[in-house]
Amino acid sequence: MIITPPAVEDATGHVAEMYAVDLDEDGFVFAHTRAMAVNPEAHAAFMALIRAIVPSIGVHAYEAATLGAAREIGSGHCLLAHGRKSVRTGVVDVSGLASFAGGDDSAFSDSEQAIINYSRRLSSDPASMTDADTQSLRDAGFSDRQIVDITLAAAARNYFSRALLALAVPLDDMPGLDPAVSEALRRAADKDPAVGSTAVL
């Protein structure tokens, strides 16, 4: 990573808050947090966007959109972080997360699988999407506001994940996540995009 993030000992304001979250939770500051700390105002705006999205769709739908987008993009950072969060919040169990890493979404509910597939489409070829894609979310029971917020959740993950990948941010180990599952998620991120797309159709 070419950029030089603010040092932990020099952090103030929102940067200090960003670092404190990682330090309190895991005892170190993740490389992806350090990278985003270069522009703390942008990070704060991103977090405000997420806070505007989650209330209408809930944590389960948000994590499904996030994981679906992250797997399609090949974002190890977001697969590991949100894989752990999804297990901790009861979105999916460890076995289901391992299956997801291999392209099997069956551990998720039908509505969550619809979100994952929609997020995959948005993350791979949004220009080809039609009303049929949106209808798939309608058929899963989501309202207009929820459909928009699911779309925003997947799009927001594209923004964040692609920024980290473009900056070549190092991928840290994820404490508290089963090592075998971590490895499976890393492999999912390393897959050739065409192979990954085929696996989750």
N, C-alpha and C. Protein backbone atom coordinates (compact mmCIF):
# COMPACT_ATOMS: atom_id res chain seq x y z
N MET A 1 0.86 -1.19 0.00
CA MET A 1 0.00 0.00 0.00
C MET A 1 0.89 1.24 0.00
N ILE A 2 0.74 2.07 -1.00
CA ILE A 2 1.60 3.24 -1.18
C ILE A 2 1.28 4.36 -0.21
N ILE A 3 0.00 4.55 0.09
CA ILE A 3 -0.40 5.67 0.95
C ILE A 3 0.06 5.44 2.38
N THR A 4 0.25 6.54 3.12
CA THR A 4 0.68 6.48 4.51
C THR A 4 -0.46 6.97 5.40
N PRO A 5 -1.13 6.08 6.11
CA PRO A 5 -2.25 6.48 6.97
C PRO A 5 -1.76 7.22 8.22
N PRO A 6 -2.67 7.90 8.90
CA PRO A 6 -2.29 8.55 10.16
C PRO A 6 -1.83 7.51 11.18
N ALA A 7 -0.81 7.86 11.93
CA ALA A 7 -0.30 6.97 12.97
C ALA A 7 -1.31 6.88 14.11
N VAL A 8 -1.37 5.72 14.74
CA VAL A 8 -2.32 5.51 15.84
C VAL A 8 -2.08 6.52 16.95
N GLU A 9 -0.81 6.76 17.28
CA GLU A 9 -0.50 7.64 18.41
C GLU A 9 -0.80 9.11 18.11
N ASP A 10 -0.97 9.44 16.83
CA ASP A 10 -1.25 10.82 16.46
C ASP A 10 -2.73 11.06 16.12
N ALA A 11 -3.53 10.03 16.20
CA ALA A 11 -4.92 10.12 15.75
C ALA A 11 -5.75 11.02 16.66
N THR A 12 -6.57 11.85 16.02
CA THR A 12 -7.51 12.70 16.76
C THR A 12 -8.85 12.67 16.05
N GLY A 13 -9.87 13.21 16.69
CA GLY A 13 -11.18 13.35 16.07
C GLY A 13 -11.74 12.05 15.56
N HIS A 14 -12.31 12.06 14.35
CA HIS A 14 -12.96 10.88 13.79
C HIS A 14 -11.96 9.76 13.54
N VAL A 15 -10.72 10.10 13.20
CA VAL A 15 -9.70 9.06 13.01
C VAL A 15 -9.47 8.30 14.30
N ALA A 16 -9.38 9.01 15.41
CA ALA A 16 -9.21 8.36 16.71
C ALA A 16 -10.39 7.45 17.02
N GLU A 17 -11.59 7.90 16.65
CA GLU A 17 -12.79 7.08 16.87
C GLU A 17 -12.74 5.82 16.00
N MET A 18 -12.32 5.95 14.75
CA MET A 18 -12.20 4.80 13.86
C MET A 18 -11.22 3.78 14.44
N TYR A 19 -10.07 4.26 14.87
CA TYR A 19 -9.05 3.37 15.41
C TYR A 19 -9.51 2.71 16.71
N ALA A 20 -10.23 3.48 17.53
CA ALA A 20 -10.67 2.96 18.83
C ALA A 20 -11.61 1.77 18.67
N VAL A 21 -12.46 1.80 17.64
CA VAL A 21 -13.38 0.69 17.41
C VAL A 21 -12.60 -0.60 17.20
N ASP A 22 -11.58 -0.56 16.34
CA ASP A 22 -10.77 -1.75 16.08
C ASP A 22 -9.96 -2.16 17.31
N LEU A 23 -9.35 -1.18 17.98
CA LEU A 23 -8.53 -1.49 19.14
C LEU A 23 -9.36 -2.11 20.26
N ASP A 24 -10.53 -1.58 20.50
CA ASP A 24 -11.39 -2.11 21.56
C ASP A 24 -11.87 -3.52 21.23
N GLU A 25 -12.16 -3.75 19.94
CA GLU A 25 -12.71 -5.05 19.52
C GLU A 25 -11.64 -6.11 19.35
N ASP A 26 -10.52 -5.75 18.71
CA ASP A 26 -9.55 -6.76 18.30
C ASP A 26 -8.12 -6.50 18.75
N GLY A 27 -7.86 -5.35 19.35
CA GLY A 27 -6.52 -5.09 19.88
C GLY A 27 -5.53 -4.54 18.88
N PHE A 28 -5.95 -4.32 17.65
CA PHE A 28 -5.10 -3.70 16.64
C PHE A 28 -5.99 -2.98 15.63
N VAL A 29 -5.39 -2.13 14.81
CA VAL A 29 -6.14 -1.39 13.80
C VAL A 29 -5.97 -2.08 12.46
N PHE A 30 -7.07 -2.45 11.84
CA PHE A 30 -7.02 -3.13 10.55
C PHE A 30 -6.45 -2.20 9.48
N ALA A 31 -5.80 -2.80 8.49
CA ALA A 31 -5.23 -2.03 7.39
C ALA A 31 -6.31 -1.27 6.63
N HIS A 32 -7.51 -1.88 6.49
CA HIS A 32 -8.56 -1.17 5.76
C HIS A 32 -9.06 0.05 6.53
N THR A 33 -9.04 -0.02 7.86
CA THR A 33 -9.42 1.15 8.66
C THR A 33 -8.38 2.25 8.49
N ARG A 34 -7.12 1.87 8.52
CA ARG A 34 -6.04 2.85 8.35
C ARG A 34 -6.15 3.56 7.00
N ALA A 35 -6.44 2.78 5.96
CA ALA A 35 -6.53 3.38 4.63
C ALA A 35 -7.65 4.40 4.55
N MET A 36 -8.81 4.07 5.10
CA MET A 36 -9.94 4.99 5.05
C MET A 36 -9.75 6.19 5.97
N ALA A 37 -8.84 6.06 6.94
CA ALA A 37 -8.58 7.17 7.86
C ALA A 37 -7.85 8.32 7.19
N VAL A 38 -7.33 8.10 5.98
CA VAL A 38 -6.68 9.18 5.25
C VAL A 38 -7.69 10.27 4.91
N ASN A 39 -8.96 9.88 4.71
CA ASN A 39 -10.03 10.86 4.49
C ASN A 39 -11.16 10.56 5.46
N PRO A 40 -11.02 11.01 6.70
CA PRO A 40 -12.03 10.67 7.71
C PRO A 40 -13.41 11.23 7.41
N GLU A 41 -13.47 12.37 6.70
CA GLU A 41 -14.77 12.94 6.35
C GLU A 41 -15.53 12.01 5.41
N ALA A 42 -14.82 11.40 4.47
CA ALA A 42 -15.46 10.46 3.56
C ALA A 42 -15.93 9.22 4.31
N HIS A 43 -15.13 8.75 5.26
CA HIS A 43 -15.53 7.59 6.05
C HIS A 43 -16.77 7.90 6.87
N ALA A 44 -16.81 9.09 7.48
CA ALA A 44 -17.98 9.48 8.26
C ALA A 44 -19.22 9.55 7.38
N ALA A 45 -19.07 10.05 6.15
CA ALA A 45 -20.20 10.13 5.23
C ALA A 45 -20.68 8.74 4.83
N PHE A 46 -19.73 7.82 4.62
CA PHE A 46 -20.09 6.44 4.29
C PHE A 46 -20.88 5.81 5.43
N MET A 47 -20.43 6.00 6.65
CA MET A 47 -21.12 5.43 7.80
C MET A 47 -22.50 6.05 7.97
N ALA A 48 -22.64 7.33 7.65
CA ALA A 48 -23.95 7.97 7.71
C ALA A 48 -24.89 7.35 6.68
N LEU A 49 -24.35 7.03 5.50
CA LEU A 49 -25.15 6.37 4.48
C LEU A 49 -25.64 5.01 4.97
N ILE A 50 -24.75 4.25 5.57
CA ILE A 50 -25.14 2.92 6.08
C ILE A 50 -26.22 3.05 7.15
N ARG A 51 -26.06 4.04 8.02
CA ARG A 51 -27.08 4.24 9.07
C ARG A 51 -28.42 4.64 8.49
N ALA A 52 -28.43 5.24 7.30
CA ALA A 52 -29.68 5.62 6.64
C ALA A 52 -30.32 4.44 5.92
N ILE A 53 -29.53 3.40 5.64
CA ILE A 53 -30.00 2.24 4.90
C ILE A 53 -30.56 1.15 5.80
N VAL A 54 -29.83 0.82 6.86
CA VAL A 54 -30.12 -0.39 7.64
C VAL A 54 -31.50 -0.40 8.30
N PRO A 55 -32.00 0.71 8.86
CA PRO A 55 -33.27 0.62 9.59
C PRO A 55 -34.43 0.03 8.80
N SER A 56 -34.53 0.30 7.51
CA SER A 56 -35.68 -0.18 6.75
C SER A 56 -35.57 -1.65 6.38
N ILE A 57 -34.33 -2.15 6.24
CA ILE A 57 -34.16 -3.54 5.77
C ILE A 57 -33.70 -4.49 6.86
N GLY A 58 -33.10 -3.97 7.92
CA GLY A 58 -32.62 -4.81 9.00
C GLY A 58 -31.23 -5.36 8.73
N VAL A 59 -30.62 -5.88 9.79
CA VAL A 59 -29.24 -6.37 9.72
C VAL A 59 -29.11 -7.56 8.78
N HIS A 60 -30.07 -8.49 8.82
CA HIS A 60 -29.97 -9.70 7.99
C HIS A 60 -29.93 -9.35 6.50
N ALA A 61 -30.83 -8.49 6.07
CA ALA A 61 -30.85 -8.10 4.66
C ALA A 61 -29.61 -7.30 4.29
N TYR A 62 -29.18 -6.43 5.18
CA TYR A 62 -27.97 -5.64 4.91
C TYR A 62 -26.76 -6.54 4.75
N GLU A 63 -26.60 -7.51 5.65
CA GLU A 63 -25.45 -8.41 5.55
C GLU A 63 -25.54 -9.30 4.32
N ALA A 64 -26.73 -9.72 3.94
CA ALA A 64 -26.89 -10.51 2.73
C ALA A 64 -26.46 -9.71 1.50
N ALA A 65 -26.87 -8.45 1.43
CA ALA A 65 -26.47 -7.59 0.32
C ALA A 65 -24.96 -7.36 0.33
N THR A 66 -24.42 -7.16 1.50
CA THR A 66 -22.99 -6.91 1.64
C THR A 66 -22.17 -8.13 1.22
N LEU A 67 -22.54 -9.30 1.73
CA LEU A 67 -21.80 -10.51 1.40
C LEU A 67 -21.93 -10.87 -0.07
N GLY A 68 -23.14 -10.71 -0.62
CA GLY A 68 -23.34 -11.02 -2.03
C GLY A 68 -22.47 -10.15 -2.92
N ALA A 69 -22.43 -8.86 -2.61
CA ALA A 69 -21.60 -7.94 -3.39
C ALA A 69 -20.12 -8.23 -3.20
N ALA A 70 -19.71 -8.45 -1.96
CA ALA A 70 -18.29 -8.68 -1.66
C ALA A 70 -17.76 -9.93 -2.34
N ARG A 71 -18.58 -10.99 -2.36
CA ARG A 71 -18.12 -12.23 -3.02
C ARG A 71 -17.97 -12.01 -4.51
N GLU A 72 -18.91 -11.30 -5.13
CA GLU A 72 -18.84 -11.08 -6.57
C GLU A 72 -17.66 -10.19 -6.94
N ILE A 73 -17.39 -9.17 -6.13
CA ILE A 73 -16.28 -8.26 -6.39
C ILE A 73 -14.94 -8.95 -6.15
N GLY A 74 -14.92 -9.89 -5.21
CA GLY A 74 -13.67 -10.52 -4.81
C GLY A 74 -12.98 -9.75 -3.71
N SER A 75 -13.77 -9.24 -2.77
CA SER A 75 -13.24 -8.42 -1.68
C SER A 75 -13.01 -9.27 -0.43
N GLY A 76 -11.76 -9.68 -0.22
CA GLY A 76 -11.45 -10.43 0.99
C GLY A 76 -11.69 -9.63 2.25
N HIS A 77 -11.40 -8.32 2.19
CA HIS A 77 -11.59 -7.47 3.37
C HIS A 77 -13.04 -7.56 3.87
N CYS A 78 -13.98 -7.37 2.95
CA CYS A 78 -15.38 -7.30 3.34
C CYS A 78 -15.98 -8.69 3.57
N LEU A 79 -15.50 -9.70 2.86
CA LEU A 79 -15.95 -11.07 3.13
C LEU A 79 -15.57 -11.49 4.53
N LEU A 80 -14.35 -11.22 4.95
CA LEU A 80 -13.91 -11.61 6.29
C LEU A 80 -14.63 -10.81 7.37
N ALA A 81 -14.66 -9.48 7.21
CA ALA A 81 -15.26 -8.64 8.25
C ALA A 81 -16.76 -8.90 8.39
N HIS A 82 -17.45 -8.98 7.27
CA HIS A 82 -18.90 -9.16 7.35
C HIS A 82 -19.28 -10.63 7.47
N GLY A 83 -18.36 -11.53 7.11
CA GLY A 83 -18.59 -12.93 7.43
C GLY A 83 -18.63 -13.12 8.94
N ARG A 84 -17.65 -12.56 9.62
CA ARG A 84 -17.64 -12.64 11.08
C ARG A 84 -18.85 -11.95 11.69
N LYS A 85 -19.18 -10.78 11.18
CA LYS A 85 -20.34 -10.06 11.71
C LYS A 85 -21.63 -10.85 11.49
N SER A 86 -21.74 -11.50 10.33
CA SER A 86 -22.96 -12.27 10.03
C SER A 86 -23.11 -13.46 10.96
N VAL A 87 -22.00 -14.09 11.32
CA VAL A 87 -22.07 -15.20 12.28
C VAL A 87 -22.44 -14.68 13.66
N ARG A 88 -21.81 -13.59 14.06
CA ARG A 88 -22.05 -13.05 15.40
C ARG A 88 -23.47 -12.52 15.59
N THR A 89 -24.08 -12.03 14.53
CA THR A 89 -25.43 -11.48 14.62
C THR A 89 -26.50 -12.51 14.27
N GLY A 90 -26.09 -13.73 13.98
CA GLY A 90 -27.05 -14.80 13.72
C GLY A 90 -27.64 -14.81 12.33
N VAL A 91 -27.02 -14.10 11.40
CA VAL A 91 -27.50 -14.12 10.02
C VAL A 91 -27.30 -15.50 9.42
N VAL A 92 -26.15 -16.10 9.72
CA VAL A 92 -25.80 -17.42 9.21
C VAL A 92 -24.84 -18.07 10.20
N ASP A 93 -24.82 -19.40 10.26
CA ASP A 93 -23.87 -20.05 11.16
C ASP A 93 -22.55 -20.31 10.43
N VAL A 94 -21.57 -20.84 11.16
CA VAL A 94 -20.24 -21.03 10.60
C VAL A 94 -20.28 -21.98 9.40
N SER A 95 -21.04 -23.05 9.52
CA SER A 95 -21.15 -24.00 8.43
C SER A 95 -21.78 -23.36 7.20
N GLY A 96 -22.82 -22.56 7.42
CA GLY A 96 -23.48 -21.87 6.32
C GLY A 96 -22.58 -20.85 5.65
N LEU A 97 -21.74 -20.19 6.46
CA LEU A 97 -20.81 -19.21 5.90
C LEU A 97 -19.76 -19.91 5.04
N ALA A 98 -19.30 -21.07 5.49
CA ALA A 98 -18.34 -21.84 4.69
C ALA A 98 -18.97 -22.27 3.36
N SER A 99 -20.23 -22.66 3.41
CA SER A 99 -20.93 -23.05 2.17
C SER A 99 -21.06 -21.85 1.25
N PHE A 100 -21.40 -20.70 1.82
CA PHE A 100 -21.51 -19.47 1.04
C PHE A 100 -20.20 -19.15 0.33
N ALA A 101 -19.09 -19.35 1.04
CA ALA A 101 -17.79 -19.07 0.44
C ALA A 101 -17.56 -19.93 -0.79
N GLY A 102 -18.15 -21.13 -0.79
CA GLY A 102 -18.03 -22.03 -1.93
C GLY A 102 -19.08 -21.83 -3.00
N GLY A 103 -19.94 -20.82 -2.83
CA GLY A 103 -20.95 -20.53 -3.84
C GLY A 103 -22.32 -21.10 -3.57
N ASP A 104 -22.51 -21.70 -2.39
CA ASP A 104 -23.80 -22.29 -2.01
C ASP A 104 -24.48 -21.37 -1.01
N ASP A 105 -25.60 -20.76 -1.41
CA ASP A 105 -26.29 -19.78 -0.58
C ASP A 105 -27.45 -20.38 0.23
N SER A 106 -27.58 -21.70 0.23
CA SER A 106 -28.78 -22.34 0.79
C SER A 106 -28.94 -22.15 2.29
N ALA A 107 -27.89 -21.74 3.00
CA ALA A 107 -28.02 -21.51 4.44
C ALA A 107 -28.79 -20.22 4.73
N PHE A 108 -28.95 -19.39 3.72
CA PHE A 108 -29.70 -18.15 3.88
C PHE A 108 -31.18 -18.38 3.55
N SER A 109 -32.04 -17.54 4.08
CA SER A 109 -33.46 -17.65 3.78
C SER A 109 -33.71 -17.34 2.31
N ASP A 110 -34.91 -17.68 1.83
CA ASP A 110 -35.24 -17.42 0.43
C ASP A 110 -35.12 -15.94 0.09
N SER A 111 -35.60 -15.07 1.00
CA SER A 111 -35.53 -13.63 0.72
C SER A 111 -34.08 -13.14 0.74
N GLU A 112 -33.27 -13.69 1.63
CA GLU A 112 -31.86 -13.32 1.66
C GLU A 112 -31.13 -13.81 0.41
N GLN A 113 -31.50 -14.99 -0.07
CA GLN A 113 -30.89 -15.49 -1.31
C GLN A 113 -31.26 -14.58 -2.49
N ALA A 114 -32.47 -14.06 -2.49
CA ALA A 114 -32.87 -13.12 -3.54
C ALA A 114 -32.00 -11.86 -3.48
N ILE A 115 -31.70 -11.41 -2.28
CA ILE A 115 -30.84 -10.23 -2.10
C ILE A 115 -29.42 -10.53 -2.58
N ILE A 116 -28.90 -11.69 -2.21
CA ILE A 116 -27.55 -12.07 -2.62
C ILE A 116 -27.44 -12.09 -4.14
N ASN A 117 -28.42 -12.69 -4.79
CA ASN A 117 -28.38 -12.78 -6.24
C ASN A 117 -28.50 -11.39 -6.89
N TYR A 118 -29.37 -10.55 -6.33
CA TYR A 118 -29.53 -9.18 -6.83
C TYR A 118 -28.22 -8.40 -6.67
N SER A 119 -27.57 -8.57 -5.52
CA SER A 119 -26.31 -7.87 -5.26
C SER A 119 -25.21 -8.37 -6.18
N ARG A 120 -25.25 -9.66 -6.49
CA ARG A 120 -24.29 -10.22 -7.44
C ARG A 120 -24.45 -9.57 -8.80
N ARG A 121 -25.70 -9.45 -9.24
CA ARG A 121 -25.97 -8.85 -10.55
C ARG A 121 -25.52 -7.38 -10.57
N LEU A 122 -25.85 -6.66 -9.52
CA LEU A 122 -25.46 -5.25 -9.43
C LEU A 122 -23.94 -5.10 -9.46
N SER A 123 -23.24 -6.04 -8.86
CA SER A 123 -21.78 -5.94 -8.73
C SER A 123 -21.03 -6.42 -9.95
N SER A 124 -21.71 -7.14 -10.84
CA SER A 124 -21.02 -7.70 -12.00
C SER A 124 -21.40 -7.01 -13.31
N ASP A 125 -22.69 -6.71 -13.50
CA ASP A 125 -23.13 -6.13 -14.77
C ASP A 125 -24.41 -5.32 -14.57
N PRO A 126 -24.33 -4.21 -13.84
CA PRO A 126 -25.54 -3.45 -13.54
C PRO A 126 -26.24 -2.89 -14.77
N ALA A 127 -25.49 -2.64 -15.85
CA ALA A 127 -26.10 -2.08 -17.05
C ALA A 127 -27.08 -3.04 -17.71
N SER A 128 -26.95 -4.34 -17.41
CA SER A 128 -27.85 -5.33 -18.01
C SER A 128 -29.07 -5.60 -17.15
N MET A 129 -29.16 -4.98 -15.99
CA MET A 129 -30.28 -5.23 -15.09
C MET A 129 -31.56 -4.60 -15.64
N THR A 130 -32.67 -5.26 -15.37
CA THR A 130 -33.97 -4.80 -15.85
C THR A 130 -34.98 -4.83 -14.70
N ASP A 131 -36.23 -4.50 -15.02
CA ASP A 131 -37.28 -4.57 -14.01
C ASP A 131 -37.44 -5.98 -13.44
N ALA A 132 -37.01 -6.99 -14.19
CA ALA A 132 -37.11 -8.36 -13.69
C ALA A 132 -36.25 -8.55 -12.46
N ASP A 133 -35.11 -7.88 -12.41
CA ASP A 133 -34.24 -7.97 -11.22
C ASP A 133 -34.92 -7.34 -10.01
N THR A 134 -35.48 -6.16 -10.22
CA THR A 134 -36.20 -5.51 -9.13
C THR A 134 -37.42 -6.32 -8.72
N GLN A 135 -38.09 -6.93 -9.69
CA GLN A 135 -39.27 -7.73 -9.40
C GLN A 135 -38.92 -8.92 -8.52
N SER A 136 -37.70 -9.43 -8.66
CA SER A 136 -37.29 -10.56 -7.81
C SER A 136 -37.30 -10.17 -6.33
N LEU A 137 -36.96 -8.92 -6.05
CA LEU A 137 -37.03 -8.44 -4.67
C LEU A 137 -38.47 -8.17 -4.25
N ARG A 138 -39.27 -7.65 -5.18
CA ARG A 138 -40.69 -7.46 -4.89
C ARG A 138 -41.34 -8.80 -4.56
N ASP A 139 -41.03 -9.83 -5.36
CA ASP A 139 -41.60 -11.15 -5.14
C ASP A 139 -41.16 -11.75 -3.81
N ALA A 140 -40.01 -11.29 -3.32
CA ALA A 140 -39.50 -11.77 -2.02
C ALA A 140 -40.14 -11.01 -0.86
N GLY A 141 -41.00 -10.03 -1.18
CA GLY A 141 -41.78 -9.36 -0.15
C GLY A 141 -41.26 -7.99 0.26
N PHE A 142 -40.33 -7.42 -0.48
CA PHE A 142 -39.75 -6.15 -0.08
C PHE A 142 -40.54 -4.96 -0.65
N SER A 143 -40.62 -3.90 0.14
CA SER A 143 -41.33 -2.67 -0.25
C SER A 143 -40.44 -1.81 -1.14
N ASP A 144 -41.03 -0.74 -1.68
CA ASP A 144 -40.26 0.19 -2.50
C ASP A 144 -39.03 0.70 -1.75
N ARG A 145 -39.24 1.17 -0.53
CA ARG A 145 -38.12 1.71 0.27
C ARG A 145 -37.07 0.62 0.50
N GLN A 146 -37.50 -0.58 0.80
CA GLN A 146 -36.55 -1.64 1.05
C GLN A 146 -35.77 -2.02 -0.21
N ILE A 147 -36.43 -2.03 -1.35
CA ILE A 147 -35.75 -2.33 -2.62
C ILE A 147 -34.68 -1.28 -2.90
N VAL A 148 -35.01 -0.02 -2.69
CA VAL A 148 -34.02 1.03 -2.89
C VAL A 148 -32.86 0.87 -1.91
N ASP A 149 -33.17 0.56 -0.66
CA ASP A 149 -32.11 0.46 0.34
C ASP A 149 -31.25 -0.79 0.15
N ILE A 150 -31.83 -1.88 -0.34
CA ILE A 150 -31.02 -3.06 -0.69
C ILE A 150 -30.06 -2.70 -1.83
N THR A 151 -30.58 -1.95 -2.80
CA THR A 151 -29.74 -1.50 -3.92
C THR A 151 -28.62 -0.61 -3.41
N LEU A 152 -28.94 0.31 -2.52
CA LEU A 152 -27.92 1.19 -1.96
C LEU A 152 -26.90 0.42 -1.14
N ALA A 153 -27.35 -0.61 -0.42
CA ALA A 153 -26.42 -1.41 0.38
C ALA A 153 -25.41 -2.12 -0.50
N ALA A 154 -25.88 -2.72 -1.58
CA ALA A 154 -24.98 -3.41 -2.50
C ALA A 154 -24.06 -2.42 -3.20
N ALA A 155 -24.61 -1.27 -3.61
CA ALA A 155 -23.80 -0.25 -4.28
C ALA A 155 -22.76 0.34 -3.33
N ALA A 156 -23.14 0.54 -2.09
CA ALA A 156 -22.19 1.06 -1.09
C ALA A 156 -21.05 0.08 -0.87
N ARG A 157 -21.35 -1.22 -0.90
CA ARG A 157 -20.29 -2.21 -0.74
C ARG A 157 -19.35 -2.18 -1.93
N ASN A 158 -19.88 -1.94 -3.12
CA ASN A 158 -19.02 -1.80 -4.30
C ASN A 158 -18.06 -0.63 -4.11
N TYR A 159 -18.59 0.48 -3.64
CA TYR A 159 -17.76 1.67 -3.40
C TYR A 159 -16.63 1.35 -2.44
N PHE A 160 -16.96 0.78 -1.30
CA PHE A 160 -15.97 0.56 -0.24
C PHE A 160 -14.98 -0.52 -0.65
N SER A 161 -15.49 -1.65 -1.13
CA SER A 161 -14.63 -2.78 -1.47
C SER A 161 -13.69 -2.44 -2.62
N ARG A 162 -14.22 -1.80 -3.65
CA ARG A 162 -13.39 -1.49 -4.81
C ARG A 162 -12.31 -0.46 -4.46
N ALA A 163 -12.60 0.45 -3.55
CA ALA A 163 -11.59 1.41 -3.11
C ALA A 163 -10.43 0.69 -2.42
N LEU A 164 -10.75 -0.27 -1.55
CA LEU A 164 -9.70 -1.01 -0.85
C LEU A 164 -8.87 -1.84 -1.82
N LEU A 165 -9.54 -2.47 -2.77
CA LEU A 165 -8.81 -3.28 -3.75
C LEU A 165 -7.91 -2.40 -4.63
N ALA A 166 -8.43 -1.26 -5.05
CA ALA A 166 -7.66 -0.37 -5.92
C ALA A 166 -6.42 0.17 -5.22
N LEU A 167 -6.51 0.37 -3.90
CA LEU A 167 -5.39 0.88 -3.12
C LEU A 167 -4.44 -0.23 -2.68
N ALA A 168 -4.75 -1.48 -3.05
CA ALA A 168 -3.92 -2.64 -2.66
C ALA A 168 -3.72 -2.69 -1.15
N VAL A 169 -4.82 -2.50 -0.42
CA VAL A 169 -4.76 -2.53 1.04
C VAL A 169 -4.51 -3.97 1.49
N PRO A 170 -3.52 -4.20 2.35
CA PRO A 170 -3.24 -5.56 2.82
C PRO A 170 -4.45 -6.19 3.51
N LEU A 171 -4.54 -7.50 3.41
CA LEU A 171 -5.65 -8.23 4.01
C LEU A 171 -5.20 -8.83 5.32
N ASP A 172 -5.79 -8.35 6.42
CA ASP A 172 -5.44 -8.86 7.75
C ASP A 172 -6.21 -10.13 8.09
N ASP A 173 -5.66 -10.90 9.02
CA ASP A 173 -6.42 -12.01 9.57
C ASP A 173 -7.60 -11.46 10.36
N MET A 174 -8.67 -12.25 10.44
CA MET A 174 -9.87 -11.81 11.14
C MET A 174 -9.99 -12.59 12.45
N PRO A 175 -9.65 -11.98 13.58
CA PRO A 175 -9.75 -12.68 14.86
C PRO A 175 -11.18 -13.14 15.14
N GLY A 176 -11.30 -14.32 15.75
CA GLY A 176 -12.61 -14.81 16.14
C GLY A 176 -13.37 -15.52 15.05
N LEU A 177 -12.78 -15.63 13.87
CA LEU A 177 -13.43 -16.34 12.76
C LEU A 177 -12.69 -17.65 12.54
N ASP A 178 -13.44 -18.75 12.46
CA ASP A 178 -12.84 -20.06 12.28
C ASP A 178 -11.80 -20.03 11.16
N PRO A 179 -10.58 -20.51 11.42
CA PRO A 179 -9.51 -20.44 10.41
C PRO A 179 -9.88 -21.10 9.08
N ALA A 180 -10.59 -22.23 9.14
CA ALA A 180 -10.98 -22.91 7.90
C ALA A 180 -11.97 -22.07 7.10
N VAL A 181 -12.87 -21.39 7.80
CA VAL A 181 -13.83 -20.53 7.12
C VAL A 181 -13.12 -19.30 6.57
N SER A 182 -12.18 -18.75 7.34
CA SER A 182 -11.40 -17.62 6.85
C SER A 182 -10.69 -17.97 5.55
N GLU A 183 -10.10 -19.16 5.51
CA GLU A 183 -9.40 -19.59 4.32
C GLU A 183 -10.36 -19.76 3.14
N ALA A 184 -11.55 -20.29 3.43
CA ALA A 184 -12.56 -20.46 2.38
C ALA A 184 -12.99 -19.11 1.81
N LEU A 185 -13.15 -18.13 2.68
CA LEU A 185 -13.53 -16.79 2.23
C LEU A 185 -12.41 -16.13 1.42
N ARG A 186 -11.17 -16.37 1.83
CA ARG A 186 -10.04 -15.84 1.07
C ARG A 186 -10.01 -16.46 -0.33
N ARG A 187 -10.29 -17.76 -0.40
CA ARG A 187 -10.31 -18.42 -1.70
C ARG A 187 -11.44 -17.88 -2.56
N ALA A 188 -12.58 -17.59 -1.94
CA ALA A 188 -13.71 -17.02 -2.68
C ALA A 188 -13.33 -15.67 -3.27
N ALA A 189 -12.56 -14.90 -2.52
CA ALA A 189 -12.13 -13.58 -3.01
C ALA A 189 -11.10 -13.71 -4.12
N ASP A 190 -10.33 -14.79 -4.11
CA ASP A 190 -9.26 -14.97 -5.09
C ASP A 190 -9.73 -15.58 -6.39
N LYS A 191 -10.97 -16.06 -6.44
CA LYS A 191 -11.47 -16.70 -7.65
C LYS A 191 -11.49 -15.74 -8.82
N ASP A 192 -11.28 -16.30 -10.01
CA ASP A 192 -11.49 -15.53 -11.23
C ASP A 192 -12.94 -15.09 -11.28
N PRO A 193 -13.24 -13.81 -11.58
CA PRO A 193 -14.63 -13.31 -11.58
C PRO A 193 -15.57 -14.18 -12.40
N ALA A 194 -15.12 -14.66 -13.55
CA ALA A 194 -16.02 -15.47 -14.39
C ALA A 194 -16.38 -16.77 -13.70
N VAL A 195 -15.40 -17.36 -13.01
CA VAL A 195 -15.67 -18.61 -12.28
C VAL A 195 -16.62 -18.34 -11.13
N GLY A 196 -16.37 -17.22 -10.41
CA GLY A 196 -17.25 -16.90 -9.30
C GLY A 196 -18.68 -16.68 -9.73
N SER A 197 -18.86 -16.01 -10.86
CA SER A 197 -20.21 -15.75 -11.36
C SER A 197 -20.93 -17.04 -11.69
N THR A 198 -20.22 -17.97 -12.31
CA THR A 198 -20.85 -19.24 -12.67
C THR A 198 -21.25 -20.01 -11.42
N ALA A 199 -20.41 -19.91 -10.39
CA ALA A 199 -20.65 -20.72 -9.20
C ALA A 199 -21.91 -20.31 -8.46
N VAL A 200 -22.33 -19.05 -8.59
CA VAL A 200 -23.46 -18.59 -7.78
C VAL A 200 -24.73 -18.38 -8.59
N LEU A 201 -24.75 -18.83 -9.84
CA LEU A 201 -25.98 -18.68 -10.63
C LEU A 201 -27.10 -19.54 -10.07
